[in-house]
Amino acid sequence: MPTYRVLINQKATGDYVTSATREDAYFEIASSMALTYEDTVQFEEVNAPAQSMADQHM
């Protein structure tokens, strides 16, 4: 599943969401924070975070 970086009103929130679709990602964000009808929500698909060094040695 893709991971998306969340932007609200063109500003990065520092939040990331992993969802099958952008619509699912929007539902997850909208249910976890208070949004107004004036807010714009955008998603930028990002690569999955790299594994930590500890994970690579297992």
N, C-alpha and C. Protein backbone atom coordinates (compact mmCIF):
# COMPACT_ATOMS: atom_id res chain seq x y z
N MET A 1 0.84 -1.19 0.00
CA MET A 1 0.00 0.00 0.00
C MET A 1 0.88 1.24 0.00
N PRO A 2 0.47 2.25 -0.71
CA PRO A 2 1.26 3.48 -0.73
C PRO A 2 1.15 4.27 0.58
N THR A 3 2.19 5.02 0.85
CA THR A 3 2.23 5.93 1.99
C THR A 3 2.16 7.35 1.46
N TYR A 4 1.34 8.15 2.08
CA TYR A 4 1.14 9.54 1.65
C TYR A 4 1.55 10.52 2.74
N ARG A 5 2.19 11.61 2.33
CA ARG A 5 2.46 12.72 3.24
C ARG A 5 1.24 13.63 3.18
N VAL A 6 0.80 14.12 4.32
CA VAL A 6 -0.43 14.91 4.41
C VAL A 6 -0.10 16.40 4.40
N LEU A 7 -0.79 17.13 3.51
CA LEU A 7 -0.68 18.59 3.47
C LEU A 7 -2.09 19.16 3.66
N ILE A 8 -2.21 20.12 4.54
CA ILE A 8 -3.48 20.81 4.74
C ILE A 8 -3.24 22.29 4.46
N ASN A 9 -4.05 22.83 3.55
CA ASN A 9 -3.90 24.22 3.11
C ASN A 9 -2.49 24.47 2.61
N GLN A 10 -1.96 23.51 1.86
CA GLN A 10 -0.65 23.57 1.21
C GLN A 10 0.51 23.60 2.20
N LYS A 11 0.28 23.18 3.44
CA LYS A 11 1.34 23.12 4.45
C LYS A 11 1.46 21.70 4.96
N ALA A 12 2.69 21.21 5.02
CA ALA A 12 2.93 19.86 5.53
C ALA A 12 2.54 19.79 7.00
N THR A 13 1.85 18.73 7.36
CA THR A 13 1.42 18.57 8.75
C THR A 13 2.41 17.73 9.56
N GLY A 14 3.29 17.03 8.87
CA GLY A 14 4.18 16.10 9.56
C GLY A 14 3.55 14.73 9.72
N ASP A 15 2.31 14.60 9.24
CA ASP A 15 1.60 13.33 9.33
C ASP A 15 1.75 12.53 8.04
N TYR A 16 1.76 11.22 8.20
CA TYR A 16 1.80 10.30 7.07
C TYR A 16 0.67 9.30 7.26
N VAL A 17 0.10 8.84 6.16
CA VAL A 17 -0.97 7.85 6.23
C VAL A 17 -0.70 6.79 5.16
N THR A 18 -0.94 5.56 5.51
CA THR A 18 -0.80 4.45 4.57
C THR A 18 -2.19 3.92 4.29
N SER A 19 -2.59 3.98 3.01
CA SER A 19 -3.93 3.56 2.61
C SER A 19 -3.88 3.00 1.20
N ALA A 20 -4.88 2.20 0.88
CA ALA A 20 -4.96 1.61 -0.45
C ALA A 20 -5.22 2.67 -1.52
N THR A 21 -6.01 3.70 -1.18
CA THR A 21 -6.35 4.74 -2.14
C THR A 21 -6.27 6.11 -1.46
N ARG A 22 -6.24 7.16 -2.28
CA ARG A 22 -6.26 8.52 -1.73
C ARG A 22 -7.58 8.80 -1.01
N GLU A 23 -8.66 8.21 -1.50
CA GLU A 23 -9.96 8.40 -0.84
C GLU A 23 -9.94 7.80 0.57
N ASP A 24 -9.35 6.62 0.70
CA ASP A 24 -9.22 6.02 2.03
C ASP A 24 -8.33 6.86 2.93
N ALA A 25 -7.27 7.42 2.36
CA ALA A 25 -6.37 8.28 3.12
C ALA A 25 -7.12 9.52 3.61
N TYR A 26 -7.95 10.11 2.75
CA TYR A 26 -8.73 11.28 3.14
C TYR A 26 -9.68 10.93 4.29
N PHE A 27 -10.36 9.79 4.18
CA PHE A 27 -11.29 9.38 5.24
C PHE A 27 -10.55 9.23 6.57
N GLU A 28 -9.37 8.64 6.51
CA GLU A 28 -8.60 8.45 7.75
C GLU A 28 -8.20 9.79 8.37
N ILE A 29 -7.75 10.73 7.54
CA ILE A 29 -7.35 12.05 8.04
C ILE A 29 -8.58 12.82 8.54
N ALA A 30 -9.66 12.81 7.77
CA ALA A 30 -10.85 13.57 8.15
C ALA A 30 -11.46 13.04 9.45
N SER A 31 -11.28 11.77 9.73
CA SER A 31 -11.85 11.23 10.96
C SER A 31 -10.93 11.44 12.16
N SER A 32 -9.69 11.88 11.91
CA SER A 32 -8.75 12.05 13.03
C SER A 32 -8.45 13.50 13.37
N MET A 33 -8.91 14.45 12.56
CA MET A 33 -8.69 15.87 12.89
C MET A 33 -9.87 16.71 12.43
N ALA A 34 -10.02 17.83 13.08
CA ALA A 34 -11.14 18.73 12.75
C ALA A 34 -10.79 19.53 11.50
N LEU A 35 -11.57 19.34 10.46
CA LEU A 35 -11.39 20.08 9.22
C LEU A 35 -12.62 20.94 8.98
N THR A 36 -12.42 22.07 8.34
CA THR A 36 -13.55 22.91 7.94
C THR A 36 -13.77 22.76 6.45
N TYR A 37 -14.87 23.28 5.96
CA TYR A 37 -15.14 23.21 4.53
C TYR A 37 -14.13 24.03 3.73
N GLU A 38 -13.44 24.96 4.38
CA GLU A 38 -12.44 25.78 3.69
C GLU A 38 -11.07 25.11 3.59
N ASP A 39 -10.84 24.07 4.37
CA ASP A 39 -9.55 23.38 4.35
C ASP A 39 -9.38 22.57 3.07
N THR A 40 -8.19 22.62 2.52
CA THR A 40 -7.85 21.74 1.40
C THR A 40 -6.87 20.69 1.91
N VAL A 41 -7.14 19.47 1.55
CA VAL A 41 -6.30 18.35 1.97
C VAL A 41 -5.66 17.77 0.72
N GLN A 42 -4.34 17.64 0.75
CA GLN A 42 -3.60 17.06 -0.36
C GLN A 42 -2.73 15.94 0.17
N PHE A 43 -2.42 15.01 -0.73
CA PHE A 43 -1.57 13.90 -0.38
C PHE A 43 -0.45 13.79 -1.40
N GLU A 44 0.77 13.61 -0.92
CA GLU A 44 1.91 13.34 -1.78
C GLU A 44 2.38 11.93 -1.50
N GLU A 45 2.39 11.11 -2.53
CA GLU A 45 2.84 9.74 -2.33
C GLU A 45 4.35 9.74 -2.10
N VAL A 46 4.77 9.02 -1.09
CA VAL A 46 6.19 8.94 -0.75
C VAL A 46 6.60 7.48 -0.72
N ASN A 47 7.90 7.24 -0.83
CA ASN A 47 8.41 5.89 -0.70
C ASN A 47 8.26 5.44 0.74
N ALA A 48 8.13 4.16 0.92
CA ALA A 48 8.04 3.62 2.28
C ALA A 48 9.32 3.95 3.01
N PRO A 49 9.24 4.25 4.29
CA PRO A 49 10.45 4.57 5.05
C PRO A 49 11.46 3.43 4.98
N ALA A 50 12.71 3.78 4.91
CA ALA A 50 13.77 2.77 4.86
C ALA A 50 13.78 1.98 6.15
N GLN A 51 14.16 0.73 6.04
CA GLN A 51 14.27 -0.10 7.23
C GLN A 51 15.41 0.40 8.10
N SER A 52 15.24 0.25 9.39
CA SER A 52 16.31 0.64 10.30
C SER A 52 17.46 -0.34 10.17
N MET A 53 18.62 0.06 10.62
CA MET A 53 19.79 -0.81 10.57
C MET A 53 19.54 -2.08 11.37
N ALA A 54 18.84 -2.00 12.49
CA ALA A 54 18.55 -3.17 13.31
C ALA A 54 17.70 -4.17 12.53
N ASP A 55 16.73 -3.68 11.76
CA ASP A 55 15.88 -4.56 10.98
C ASP A 55 16.66 -5.25 9.87
N GLN A 56 17.65 -4.58 9.30
CA GLN A 56 18.41 -5.14 8.20
C GLN A 56 19.31 -6.29 8.63
N HIS A 57 19.66 -6.35 9.91
CA HIS A 57 20.55 -7.39 10.39
C HIS A 57 19.80 -8.64 10.84
N MET A 58 18.51 -8.62 10.79
CA MET A 58 17.72 -9.78 11.24
C MET A 58 17.58 -10.79 10.14
